[in-house]
PDB file of N, CA and C in Angstrom:
ATOM      1  N   MET A   1     129.143  47.308 115.927  1.00  0.00           N
ATOM      2  CA  MET A   1     129.116  48.695 115.518  1.00  0.00           C
ATOM      3  C   MET A   1     127.662  49.126 115.330  1.00  0.00           C
ATOM      4  N   HIS A   2     127.301  50.228 115.949  1.00  0.00           N
ATOM      5  CA  HIS A   2     125.933  50.725 115.893  1.00  0.00           C
ATOM      6  C   HIS A   2     125.804  51.806 114.835  1.00  0.00           C
ATOM      7  N   PRO A   3     124.693  51.797 114.094  1.00  0.00           N
ATOM      8  CA  PRO A   3     124.498  52.873 113.105  1.00  0.00           C
ATOM      9  C   PRO A   3     124.285  54.205 113.818  1.00  0.00           C
ATOM     10  N   VAL A   4     124.757  55.262 113.184  1.00  0.00           N
ATOM     11  CA  VAL A   4     124.573  56.603 113.736  1.00  0.00           C
ATOM     12  C   VAL A   4     123.137  57.027 113.475  1.00  0.00           C
ATOM     13  N   ARG A   5     122.475  57.486 114.535  1.00  0.00           N
ATOM     14  CA  ARG A   5     121.094  57.945 114.393  1.00  0.00           C
ATOM     15  C   ARG A   5     121.046  59.454 114.465  1.00  0.00           C
ATOM     16  N   ARG A   6     120.307  60.034 113.551  1.00  0.00           N
ATOM     17  CA  ARG A   6     120.090  61.482 113.590  1.00  0.00           C
ATOM     18  C   ARG A   6     118.781  61.739 114.316  1.00  0.00           C
ATOM     19  N   ALA A   7     118.754  62.827 115.038  1.00  0.00           N
ATOM     20  CA  ALA A   7     117.522  63.200 115.724  1.00  0.00           C
ATOM     21  C   ALA A   7     116.439  63.485 114.685  1.00  0.00           C
ATOM     22  N   GLN A   8     115.263  62.998 114.943  1.00  0.00           N
ATOM     23  CA  GLN A   8     114.147  63.262 114.047  1.00  0.00           C
ATOM     24  C   GLN A   8     113.678  64.702 114.242  1.00  0.00           C
ATOM     25  N   PRO A   9     113.470  65.442 113.152  1.00  0.00           N
ATOM     26  CA  PRO A   9     113.001  66.819 113.306  1.00  0.00           C
ATOM     27  C   PRO A   9     111.577  66.837 113.852  1.00  0.00           C
ATOM     28  N   ASP A  10     111.274  67.879 114.631  1.00  0.00           N
ATOM     29  CA  ASP A  10     109.910  68.005 115.128  1.00  0.00           C
ATOM     30  C   ASP A  10     108.984  68.409 113.981  1.00  0.00           C
ATOM     31  N   ALA A  11     107.703  68.472 114.266  1.00  0.00           N
ATOM     32  CA  ALA A  11     106.707  68.743 113.223  1.00  0.00           C
ATOM     33  C   ALA A  11     106.952  70.096 112.554  1.00  0.00           C
ATOM     34  N   PHE A  12     107.263  71.132 113.343  1.00  0.00           N
ATOM     35  CA  PHE A  12     107.495  72.451 112.750  1.00  0.00           C
ATOM     36  C   PHE A  12     108.725  72.426 111.856  1.00  0.00           C
ATOM     37  N   SER A  13     109.799  71.814 112.318  1.00  0.00           N
ATOM     38  CA  SER A  13     111.012  71.719 111.497  1.00  0.00           C
ATOM     39  C   SER A  13     110.731  70.997 110.187  1.00  0.00           C
ATOM     40  N   SER A  14     109.960  69.939 110.251  1.00  0.00           N
ATOM     41  CA  SER A  14     109.612  69.197 109.028  1.00  0.00           C
ATOM     42  C   SER A  14     108.827  70.066 108.063  1.00  0.00           C
ATOM     43  N   ARG A  15     107.883  70.868 108.601  1.00  0.00           N
ATOM     44  CA  ARG A  15     107.104  71.767 107.736  1.00  0.00           C
ATOM     45  C   ARG A  15     108.005  72.836 107.125  1.00  0.00           C
ATOM     46  N   VAL A  16     108.946  73.368 107.922  1.00  0.00           N
ATOM     47  CA  VAL A  16     109.878  74.376 107.411  1.00  0.00           C
ATOM     48  C   VAL A  16     110.688  73.792 106.260  1.00  0.00           C
ATOM     49  N   LEU A  17     111.253  72.620 106.451  1.00  0.00           N
ATOM     50  CA  LEU A  17     112.065  71.998 105.405  1.00  0.00           C
ATOM     51  C   LEU A  17     111.233  71.744 104.154  1.00  0.00           C
ATOM     52  N   SER A  18     109.991  71.349 104.333  1.00  0.00           N
ATOM     53  CA  SER A  18     109.095  71.116 103.196  1.00  0.00           C
ATOM     54  C   SER A  18     108.841  72.411 102.428  1.00  0.00           C
ATOM     55  N   VAL A  19     108.609  73.507 103.145  1.00  0.00           N
ATOM     56  CA  VAL A  19     108.377  74.806 102.504  1.00  0.00           C
ATOM     57  C   VAL A  19     109.626  75.224 101.732  1.00  0.00           C
ATOM     58  N   VAL A  20     110.787  75.121 102.352  1.00  0.00           N
ATOM     59  CA  VAL A  20     112.023  75.573 101.715  1.00  0.00           C
ATOM     60  C   VAL A  20     112.325  74.743 100.471  1.00  0.00           C
ATOM     61  N   ARG A  21     112.027  73.455 100.501  1.00  0.00           N
ATOM     62  CA  ARG A  21     112.245  72.616  99.310  1.00  0.00           C
ATOM     63  C   ARG A  21     111.407  73.082  98.122  1.00  0.00           C
ATOM     64  N   ARG A  22     110.287  73.760  98.388  1.00  0.00           N
ATOM     65  CA  ARG A  22     109.402  74.209  97.305  1.00  0.00           C
ATOM     66  C   ARG A  22     109.831  75.535  96.692  1.00  0.00           C
ATOM     67  N   ILE A  23     110.784  76.236  97.291  1.00  0.00           N
ATOM     68  CA  ILE A  23     111.246  77.506  96.722  1.00  0.00           C
ATOM     69  C   ILE A  23     112.039  77.186  95.456  1.00  0.00           C
ATOM     70  N   PRO A  24     111.561  77.657  94.305  1.00  0.00           N
ATOM     71  CA  PRO A  24     112.239  77.312  93.047  1.00  0.00           C
ATOM     72  C   PRO A  24     113.558  78.061  92.860  1.00  0.00           C
ATOM     73  N   PRO A  25     114.433  77.531  92.013  1.00  0.00           N
ATOM     74  CA  PRO A  25     115.687  78.230  91.714  1.00  0.00           C
ATOM     75  C   PRO A  25     115.396  79.649  91.206  1.00  0.00           C
ATOM     76  N   GLY A  26     116.220  80.586  91.650  1.00  0.00           N
ATOM     77  CA  GLY A  26     116.052  81.970  91.216  1.00  0.00           C
ATOM     78  C   GLY A  26     115.021  82.741  92.002  1.00  0.00           C
ATOM     79  N   ARG A  27     114.470  82.134  93.042  1.00  0.00           N
ATOM     80  CA  ARG A  27     113.477  82.800  93.891  1.00  0.00           C
ATOM     81  C   ARG A  27     113.948  82.740  95.340  1.00  0.00           C
ATOM     82  N   VAL A  28     113.436  83.636  96.185  1.00  0.00           N
ATOM     83  CA  VAL A  28     113.796  83.676  97.593  1.00  0.00           C
ATOM     84  C   VAL A  28     112.549  83.901  98.442  1.00  0.00           C
ATOM     85  N   ALA A  29     112.645  83.539  99.717  1.00  0.00           N
ATOM     86  CA  ALA A  29     111.596  83.817 100.696  1.00  0.00           C
ATOM     87  C   ALA A  29     112.290  84.235 101.985  1.00  0.00           C
ATOM     88  N   THR A  30     111.650  85.095 102.768  1.00  0.00           N
ATOM     89  CA  THR A  30     112.249  85.525 104.031  1.00  0.00           C
ATOM     90  C   THR A  30     111.999  84.477 105.104  1.00  0.00           C
ATOM     91  N   TYR A  31     112.793  84.565 106.166  1.00  0.00           N
ATOM     92  CA  TYR A  31     112.605  83.670 107.305  1.00  0.00           C
ATOM     93  C   TYR A  31     111.164  83.776 107.814  1.00  0.00           C
ATOM     94  N   GLY A  32     110.643  84.998 107.881  1.00  0.00           N
ATOM     95  CA  GLY A  32     109.278  85.210 108.358  1.00  0.00           C
ATOM     96  C   GLY A  32     108.233  84.613 107.432  1.00  0.00           C
ATOM     97  N   GLU A  33     108.451  84.737 106.122  1.00  0.00           N
ATOM     98  CA  GLU A  33     107.504  84.154 105.163  1.00  0.00           C
ATOM     99  C   GLU A  33     107.499  82.636 105.261  1.00  0.00           C
ATOM    100  N   VAL A  34     108.690  82.043 105.422  1.00  0.00           N
ATOM    101  CA  VAL A  34     108.769  80.589 105.577  1.00  0.00           C
ATOM    102  C   VAL A  34     108.059  80.169 106.863  1.00  0.00           C
ATOM    103  N   ALA A  35     108.277  80.918 107.944  1.00  0.00           N
ATOM    104  CA  ALA A  35     107.623  80.598 109.215  1.00  0.00           C
ATOM    105  C   ALA A  35     106.101  80.628 109.062  1.00  0.00           C
ATOM    106  N   ALA A  36     105.588  81.658 108.390  1.00  0.00           N
ATOM    107  CA  ALA A  36     104.145  81.776 108.189  1.00  0.00           C
ATOM    108  C   ALA A  36     103.609  80.619 107.350  1.00  0.00           C
ATOM    109  N   LEU A  37     104.317  80.285 106.279  1.00  0.00           N
ATOM    110  CA  LEU A  37     103.878  79.178 105.418  1.00  0.00           C
ATOM    111  C   LEU A  37     103.948  77.834 106.145  1.00  0.00           C
ATOM    112  N   ALA A  38     104.815  77.746 107.158  1.00  0.00           N
ATOM    113  CA  ALA A  38     104.937  76.515 107.946  1.00  0.00           C
ATOM    114  C   ALA A  38     103.985  76.506 109.132  1.00  0.00           C
ATOM    115  N   GLY A  39     103.168  77.561 109.261  1.00  0.00           N
ATOM    116  CA  GLY A  39     102.135  77.571 110.282  1.00  0.00           C
ATOM    117  C   GLY A  39     102.455  78.308 111.567  1.00  0.00           C
ATOM    118  N   ARG A  40     103.611  78.962 111.646  1.00  0.00           N
ATOM    119  CA  ARG A  40     103.968  79.729 112.847  1.00  0.00           C
ATOM    120  C   ARG A  40     104.525  81.082 112.436  1.00  0.00           C
ATOM    121  N   PRO A  41     103.642  82.040 112.124  1.00  0.00           N
ATOM    122  CA  PRO A  41     104.072  83.318 111.565  1.00  0.00           C
ATOM    123  C   PRO A  41     105.042  84.127 112.425  1.00  0.00           C
ATOM    124  N   ARG A  42     105.120  83.873 113.704  1.00  0.00           N
ATOM    125  CA  ARG A  42     106.020  84.644 114.568  1.00  0.00           C
ATOM    126  C   ARG A  42     107.322  83.901 114.864  1.00  0.00           C
ATOM    127  N   ALA A  43     107.628  82.876 114.089  1.00  0.00           N
ATOM    128  CA  ALA A  43     108.780  82.022 114.384  1.00  0.00           C
ATOM    129  C   ALA A  43     109.934  82.194 113.388  1.00  0.00           C
ATOM    130  N   ALA A  44     110.161  83.425 112.926  1.00  0.00           N
ATOM    131  CA  ALA A  44     111.239  83.661 111.959  1.00  0.00           C
ATOM    132  C   ALA A  44     112.599  83.257 112.518  1.00  0.00           C
ATOM    133  N   ARG A  45     112.841  83.567 113.776  1.00  0.00           N
ATOM    134  CA  ARG A  45     114.129  83.220 114.390  1.00  0.00           C
ATOM    135  C   ARG A  45     114.309  81.702 114.431  1.00  0.00           C
ATOM    136  N   ALA A  46     113.237  80.976 114.716  1.00  0.00           N
ATOM    137  CA  ALA A  46     113.308  79.508 114.732  1.00  0.00           C
ATOM    138  C   ALA A  46     113.654  78.975 113.340  1.00  0.00           C
ATOM    139  N   VAL A  47     113.086  79.599 112.309  1.00  0.00           N
ATOM    140  CA  VAL A  47     113.415  79.191 110.934  1.00  0.00           C
ATOM    141  C   VAL A  47     114.901  79.410 110.682  1.00  0.00           C
ATOM    142  N   GLY A  48     115.437  80.545 111.130  1.00  0.00           N
ATOM    143  CA  GLY A  48     116.865  80.814 110.982  1.00  0.00           C
ATOM    144  C   GLY A  48     117.714  79.743 111.652  1.00  0.00           C
ATOM    145  N   ASN A  49     117.309  79.317 112.837  1.00  0.00           N
ATOM    146  CA  ASN A  49     118.045  78.269 113.544  1.00  0.00           C
ATOM    147  C   ASN A  49     117.964  76.937 112.811  1.00  0.00           C
ATOM    148  N   ILE A  50     116.812  76.631 112.248  1.00  0.00           N
ATOM    149  CA  ILE A  50     116.649  75.393 111.474  1.00  0.00           C
ATOM    150  C   ILE A  50     117.531  75.439 110.237  1.00  0.00           C
ATOM    151  N   MET A  51     117.560  76.588 109.556  1.00  0.00           N
ATOM    152  CA  MET A  51     118.397  76.718 108.357  1.00  0.00           C
ATOM    153  C   MET A  51     119.882  76.604 108.709  1.00  0.00           C
ATOM    154  N   ARG A  52     120.285  77.218 109.815  1.00  0.00           N
ATOM    155  CA  ARG A  52     121.693  77.190 110.220  1.00  0.00           C
ATOM    156  C   ARG A  52     122.167  75.760 110.479  1.00  0.00           C
ATOM    157  N   GLY A  53     121.308  74.934 111.071  1.00  0.00           N
ATOM    158  CA  GLY A  53     121.712  73.574 111.405  1.00  0.00           C
ATOM    159  C   GLY A  53     121.336  72.530 110.389  1.00  0.00           C
ATOM    160  N   CYS A  54     120.785  72.934 109.267  1.00  0.00           N
ATOM    161  CA  CYS A  54     120.236  71.977 108.312  1.00  0.00           C
ATOM    162  C   CYS A  54     121.321  71.153 107.620  1.00  0.00           C
ATOM    163  N   GLY A  55     122.104  71.743 106.773  1.00  0.00           N
ATOM    164  CA  GLY A  55     123.182  71.042 106.096  1.00  0.00           C
ATOM    165  C   GLY A  55     122.756  69.912 105.175  1.00  0.00           C
ATOM    166  N   ARG A  56     121.506  69.896 104.768  1.00  0.00           N
ATOM    167  CA  ARG A  56     121.016  68.835 103.883  1.00  0.00           C
ATOM    168  C   ARG A  56     121.079  69.306 102.432  1.00  0.00           C
ATOM    169  N   PRO A  57     121.633  68.496 101.549  1.00  0.00           N
ATOM    170  CA  PRO A  57     121.760  68.922 100.152  1.00  0.00           C
ATOM    171  C   PRO A  57     120.421  69.042  99.418  1.00  0.00           C
ATOM    172  N   ASP A  58     119.367  68.431  99.951  1.00  0.00           N
ATOM    173  CA  ASP A  58     118.056  68.498  99.295  1.00  0.00           C
ATOM    174  C   ASP A  58     117.231  69.703  99.748  1.00  0.00           C
ATOM    175  N   VAL A  59     117.790  70.547 100.606  1.00  0.00           N
ATOM    176  CA  VAL A  59     117.086  71.723 101.116  1.00  0.00           C
ATOM    177  C   VAL A  59     117.878  72.967 100.706  1.00  0.00           C
ATOM    178  N   PRO A  60     117.318  73.792  99.813  1.00  0.00           N
ATOM    179  CA  PRO A  60     118.041  74.976  99.330  1.00  0.00           C
ATOM    180  C   PRO A  60     118.001  76.134 100.326  1.00  0.00           C
ATOM    181  N   CYS A  61     118.699  75.970 101.449  1.00  0.00           N
ATOM    182  CA  CYS A  61     118.690  76.966 102.525  1.00  0.00           C
ATOM    183  C   CYS A  61     119.147  78.343 102.054  1.00  0.00           C
ATOM    184  N   HIS A  62     119.979  78.384 101.005  1.00  0.00           N
ATOM    185  CA  HIS A  62     120.482  79.674 100.522  1.00  0.00           C
ATOM    186  C   HIS A  62     119.371  80.552  99.965  1.00  0.00           C
ATOM    187  N   ARG A  63     118.207  79.991  99.690  1.00  0.00           N
ATOM    188  CA  ARG A  63     117.091  80.768  99.143  1.00  0.00           C
ATOM    189  C   ARG A  63     116.253  81.438 100.227  1.00  0.00           C
ATOM    190  N   VAL A  64     116.611  81.251 101.483  1.00  0.00           N
ATOM    191  CA  VAL A  64     115.898  81.879 102.592  1.00  0.00           C
ATOM    192  C   VAL A  64     116.731  83.065 103.054  1.00  0.00           C
ATOM    193  N   ILE A  65     116.096  84.237 103.075  1.00  0.00           N
ATOM    194  CA  ILE A  65     116.810  85.483 103.363  1.00  0.00           C
ATOM    195  C   ILE A  65     116.158  86.217 104.530  1.00  0.00           C
ATOM    196  N   ALA A  66     116.839  87.242 105.004  1.00  0.00           N
ATOM    197  CA  ALA A  66     116.314  88.058 106.089  1.00  0.00           C
ATOM    198  C   ALA A  66     115.318  89.087 105.540  1.00  0.00           C
ATOM    199  N   ALA A  67     114.637  89.742 106.451  1.00  0.00           N
ATOM    200  CA  ALA A  67     113.627  90.738 106.080  1.00  0.00           C
ATOM    201  C   ALA A  67     114.247  91.864 105.269  1.00  0.00           C
ATOM    202  N   GLY A  68     113.476  92.423 104.379  1.00  0.00           N
ATOM    203  CA  GLY A  68     113.912  93.565 103.597  1.00  0.00           C
ATOM    204  C   GLY A  68     114.934  93.242 102.520  1.00  0.00           C
ATOM    205  N   GLY A  69     115.151  91.954 102.272  1.00  0.00           N
ATOM    206  CA  GLY A  69     116.074  91.576 101.211  1.00  0.00           C
ATOM    207  C   GLY A  69     117.516  91.374 101.643  1.00  0.00           C
ATOM    208  N   ARG A  70     117.782  91.480 102.951  1.00  0.00           N
ATOM    209  CA  ARG A  70     119.147  91.226 103.430  1.00  0.00           C
ATOM    210  C   ARG A  70     119.456  89.741 103.298  1.00  0.00           C
ATOM    211  N   LEU A  71     120.707  89.427 103.007  1.00  0.00           N
ATOM    212  CA  LEU A  71     121.081  88.024 102.813  1.00  0.00           C
ATOM    213  C   LEU A  71     120.906  87.192 104.065  1.00  0.00           C
ATOM    214  N   GLY A  72     121.221  87.734 105.217  1.00  0.00           N
ATOM    215  CA  GLY A  72     121.155  86.935 106.430  1.00  0.00           C
ATOM    216  C   GLY A  72     122.313  85.948 106.458  1.00  0.00           C
ATOM    217  N   GLY A  73     122.318  85.099 107.444  1.00  0.00           N
ATOM    218  CA  GLY A  73     123.408  84.141 107.592  1.00  0.00           C
ATOM    219  C   GLY A  73     123.255  82.953 106.665  1.00  0.00           C
ATOM    220  N   TYR A  74     124.324  82.219 106.539  1.00  0.00           N
ATOM    221  CA  TYR A  74     124.283  80.982 105.755  1.00  0.00           C
ATOM    222  C   TYR A  74     125.417  80.103 106.238  1.00  0.00           C
ATOM    223  N   GLY A  75     125.246  79.577 107.435  1.00  0.00           N
ATOM    224  CA  GLY A  75     126.273  78.736 108.007  1.00  0.00           C
ATOM    225  C   GLY A  75     127.613  79.445 108.112  1.00  0.00           C
ATOM    226  N   GLY A  76     127.572  80.774 108.232  1.00  0.00           N
ATOM    227  CA  GLY A  76     128.796  81.535 108.392  1.00  0.00           C
ATOM    228  C   GLY A  76     129.441  81.988 107.101  1.00  0.00           C
ATOM    229  N   SER A  77     128.880  81.636 105.941  1.00  0.00           N
ATOM    230  CA  SER A  77     129.506  82.035 104.685  1.00  0.00           C
ATOM    231  C   SER A  77     128.535  82.810 103.802  1.00  0.00           C
ATOM    232  N   GLU A  78     128.500  84.121 104.037  1.00  0.00           N
ATOM    233  CA  GLU A  78     127.658  84.979 103.203  1.00  0.00           C
ATOM    234  C   GLU A  78     128.143  84.960 101.755  1.00  0.00           C
ATOM    235  N   THR A  79     129.443  84.802 101.565  1.00  0.00           N
ATOM    236  CA  THR A  79     130.013  84.756 100.214  1.00  0.00           C
ATOM    237  C   THR A  79     129.464  83.565  99.436  1.00  0.00           C
ATOM    238  N   LEU A  80     129.371  82.408 100.092  1.00  0.00           N
ATOM    239  CA  LEU A  80     128.828  81.221  99.435  1.00  0.00           C
ATOM    240  C   LEU A  80     127.357  81.428  99.098  1.00  0.00           C
ATOM    241  N   LYS A  81     126.597  82.001 100.032  1.00  0.00           N
ATOM    242  CA  LYS A  81     125.180  82.260  99.790  1.00  0.00           C
ATOM    243  C   LYS A  81     125.011  83.190  98.591  1.00  0.00           C
ATOM    244  N   ARG A  82     125.802  84.258  98.552  1.00  0.00           N
ATOM    245  CA  ARG A  82     125.743  85.207  97.441  1.00  0.00           C
ATOM    246  C   ARG A  82     126.053  84.494  96.119  1.00  0.00           C
ATOM    247  N   SER A  83     127.059  83.642  96.117  1.00  0.00           N
ATOM    248  CA  SER A  83     127.446  82.921  94.899  1.00  0.00           C
ATOM    249  C   SER A  83     126.360  81.971  94.420  1.00  0.00           C
ATOM    250  N   LEU A  84     125.752  81.238  95.350  1.00  0.00           N
ATOM    251  CA  LEU A  84     124.684  80.301  94.978  1.00  0.00           C
ATOM    252  C   LEU A  84     123.488  81.039  94.394  1.00  0.00           C
ATOM    253  N   LEU A  85     123.114  82.157  95.013  1.00  0.00           N
ATOM    254  CA  LEU A  85     121.985  82.933  94.502  1.00  0.00           C
ATOM    255  C   LEU A  85     122.323  83.537  93.142  1.00  0.00           C
ATOM    256  N   ALA A  86     123.522  84.063  92.985  1.00  0.00           N
ATOM    257  CA  ALA A  86     123.933  84.644  91.698  1.00  0.00           C
ATOM    258  C   ALA A  86     123.908  83.593  90.595  1.00  0.00           C
ATOM    259  N   ALA A  87     124.309  82.368  90.916  1.00  0.00           N
ATOM    260  CA  ALA A  87     124.292  81.285  89.930  1.00  0.00           C
ATOM    261  C   ALA A  87     122.874  80.967  89.466  1.00  0.00           C
ATOM    262  N   GLU A  88     121.888  81.319  90.286  1.00  0.00           N
ATOM    263  CA  GLU A  88     120.481  81.105  89.935  1.00  0.00           C
ATOM    264  C   GLU A  88     119.847  82.341  89.313  1.00  0.00           C
ATOM    265  N   GLY A  89     120.643  83.402  89.103  1.00  0.00           N
ATOM    266  CA  GLY A  89     120.121  84.602  88.461  1.00  0.00           C
ATOM    267  C   GLY A  89     119.587  85.655  89.404  1.00  0.00           C
ATOM    268  N   VAL A  90     119.769  85.476  90.712  1.00  0.00           N
ATOM    269  CA  VAL A  90     119.326  86.475  91.683  1.00  0.00           C
ATOM    270  C   VAL A  90     120.430  87.518  91.799  1.00  0.00           C
ATOM    271  N   ILE A  91     120.069  88.783  91.630  1.00  0.00           N
ATOM    272  CA  ILE A  91     121.045  89.867  91.680  1.00  0.00           C
ATOM    273  C   ILE A  91     121.234  90.305  93.125  1.00  0.00           C
ATOM    274  N   VAL A  92     122.482  90.245  93.585  1.00  0.00           N
ATOM    275  CA  VAL A  92     122.820  90.648  94.947  1.00  0.00           C
ATOM    276  C   VAL A  92     123.761  91.830  94.865  1.00  0.00           C
ATOM    277  N   SER A  93     123.436  92.884  95.598  1.00  0.00           N
ATOM    278  CA  SER A  93     124.276  94.073  95.652  1.00  0.00           C
ATOM    279  C   SER A  93     124.669  94.286  97.108  1.00  0.00           C
ATOM    280  N   GLY A  94     125.939  94.148  97.407  1.00  0.00           N
ATOM    281  CA  GLY A  94     126.373  94.224  98.801  1.00  0.00           C
ATOM    282  C   GLY A  94     125.796  93.039  99.553  1.00  0.00           C
ATOM    283  N   SER A  95     124.991  93.314 100.551  1.00  0.00           N
ATOM    284  CA  SER A  95     124.365  92.254 101.339  1.00  0.00           C
ATOM    285  C   SER A  95     122.851  92.222 101.145  1.00  0.00           C
ATOM    286  N   ARG A  96     122.371  92.748 100.025  1.00  0.00           N
ATOM    287  CA  ARG A  96     120.926  92.794  99.769  1.00  0.00           C
ATOM    288  C   ARG A  96     120.576  92.240  98.406  1.00  0.00           C
ATOM    289  N   ILE A  97     119.387  91.665  98.336  1.00  0.00           N
ATOM    290  CA  ILE A  97     118.830  91.193  97.073  1.00  0.00           C
ATOM    291  C   ILE A  97     118.279  92.404  96.334  1.00  0.00           C
ATOM    292  N   ARG A  98     118.642  92.546  95.071  1.00  0.00           N
ATOM    293  CA  ARG A  98     118.067  93.608  94.246  1.00  0.00           C
ATOM    294  C   ARG A  98     116.820  93.063  93.573  1.00  0.00           C
ATOM    295  N   GLU A  99     115.892  93.938  93.268  1.00  0.00           N
ATOM    296  CA  GLU A  99     114.634  93.549  92.615  1.00  0.00           C
ATOM    297  C   GLU A  99     113.926  92.457  93.414  1.00  0.00           C
ATOM    298  N   LEU A 100     113.821  92.677  94.722  1.00  0.00           N
ATOM    299  CA  LEU A 100     113.239  91.679  95.613  1.00  0.00           C
ATOM    300  C   LEU A 100     111.828  91.271  95.183  1.00  0.00           C
ATOM    301  N   ASP A 101     111.018  92.223  94.768  1.00  0.00           N
ATOM    302  CA  ASP A 101     109.650  91.882  94.370  1.00  0.00           C
ATOM    303  C   ASP A 101     109.618  90.920  93.183  1.00  0.00           C
ATOM    304  N   ARG A 102     110.630  90.974  92.341  1.00  0.00           N
ATOM    305  CA  ARG A 102     110.680  90.102  91.166  1.00  0.00           C
ATOM    306  C   ARG A 102     111.040  88.662  91.539  1.00  0.00           C
ATOM    307  N   VAL A 103     111.870  88.491  92.573  1.00  0.00           N
ATOM    308  CA  VAL A 103     112.372  87.154  92.903  1.00  0.00           C
ATOM    309  C   VAL A 103     111.736  86.567  94.156  1.00  0.00           C
ATOM    310  N   ARG A 104     110.858  87.310  94.802  1.00  0.00           N
ATOM    311  CA  ARG A 104     110.219  86.812  96.026  1.00  0.00           C
ATOM    312  C   ARG A 104     109.266  85.665  95.706  1.00  0.00           C
ATOM    313  N   TRP A 105     109.287  84.653  96.584  1.00  0.00           N
ATOM    314  CA  TRP A 105     108.394  83.506  96.460  1.00  0.00           C
ATOM    315  C   TRP A 105     107.691  83.297  97.776  1.00  0.00           C
ATOM    316  N   PRO A 106     106.441  82.962  97.804  1.00  0.00           N
ATOM    317  CA  PRO A 106     105.543  83.074  96.655  1.00  0.00           C
ATOM    318  C   PRO A 106     105.342  84.537  96.322  1.00  0.00           C
ATOM    319  N   ALA A 107     105.060  84.800  95.077  1.00  0.00           N
ATOM    320  CA  ALA A 107     104.906  86.184  94.628  1.00  0.00           C
ATOM    321  C   ALA A 107     103.862  86.883  95.485  1.00  0.00           C
ATOM    322  N   THR A 108     104.175  88.081  95.917  1.00  0.00           N
ATOM    323  CA  THR A 108     103.219  88.831  96.715  1.00  0.00           C
ATOM    324  C   THR A 108     102.123  89.349  95.795  1.00  0.00           C
ATOM    325  N   ARG A 109     100.924  89.246  96.276  1.00  0.00           N
ATOM    326  CA  ARG A 109      99.794  89.715  95.465  1.00  0.00           C
ATOM    327  C   ARG A 109      99.606  91.200  95.684  1.00  0.00           C
ATOM    328  N   ARG A 110      99.492  91.896  94.615  1.00  0.00           N
ATOM    329  CA  ARG A 110      99.256  93.320  94.705  1.00  0.00           C
ATOM    330  C   ARG A 110      97.770  93.589  94.512  1.00  0.00           C
ATOM    331  N   ARG A 111      97.288  94.505  95.294  1.00  0.00           N
ATOM    332  CA  ARG A 111      95.874  94.869  95.149  1.00  0.00           C
ATOM    333  C   ARG A 111      95.687  95.729  93.916  1.00  0.00           C
ATOM    334  N   ALA A 112      94.593  95.509  93.250  1.00  0.00           N
ATOM    335  CA  ALA A 112      94.257  96.337  92.094  1.00  0.00           C
ATOM    336  C   ALA A 112      93.903  97.728  92.608  1.00  0.00           C
ATOM    337  N   PRO A 113      94.280  98.756  91.880  1.00  0.00           N
ATOM    338  CA  PRO A 113      93.927 100.120  92.328  1.00  0.00           C
ATOM    339  C   PRO A 113      92.415 100.298  92.349  1.00  0.00           C
ATOM    340  N   ARG A 114      91.967 101.048  93.339  1.00  0.00           N
ATOM    341  CA  ARG A 114      90.533 101.302  93.457  1.00  0.00           C
ATOM    342  C   ARG A 114      90.093 102.323  92.421  1.00  0.00           C
ATOM    343  N   THR A 115      88.978 102.042  91.833  1.00  0.00           N
ATOM    344  CA  THR A 115      88.378 103.017  90.918  1.00  0.00           C
ATOM    345  C   THR A 115      87.004 103.347  91.451  1.00  0.00           C
ATOM    346  N   SER A 116      86.790 104.609  91.770  1.00  0.00           N
ATOM    347  CA  SER A 116      85.485 104.996  92.326  1.00  0.00           C
ATOM    348  C   SER A 116      84.842 106.030  91.461  1.00  0.00           C
TER     349      SER A 116
END
């Protein structure tokens, strides 16, 4: 009997999984933000594909959302994604995250107002 071997993730996939593992409970990041943090800012769709096929309990895929605060997919169960986020204190209204600026990770830096 031979042991089952899983395909080794490529370098980008490994970086994506590493970034997603760092998203703390109660916070979210968009597919595009994860792609940028993993070194490929134009690879949001690839991040979505990695999240869809992940299925690893050590990777909080439910914390990765679509642009503008939309929930996006979650292995076909938006209801499960909504429940997991709600359990972490993220407010979801319909298919969108409420108070996105409060729960976005990493926190977006705001520029100080100019005084002239």
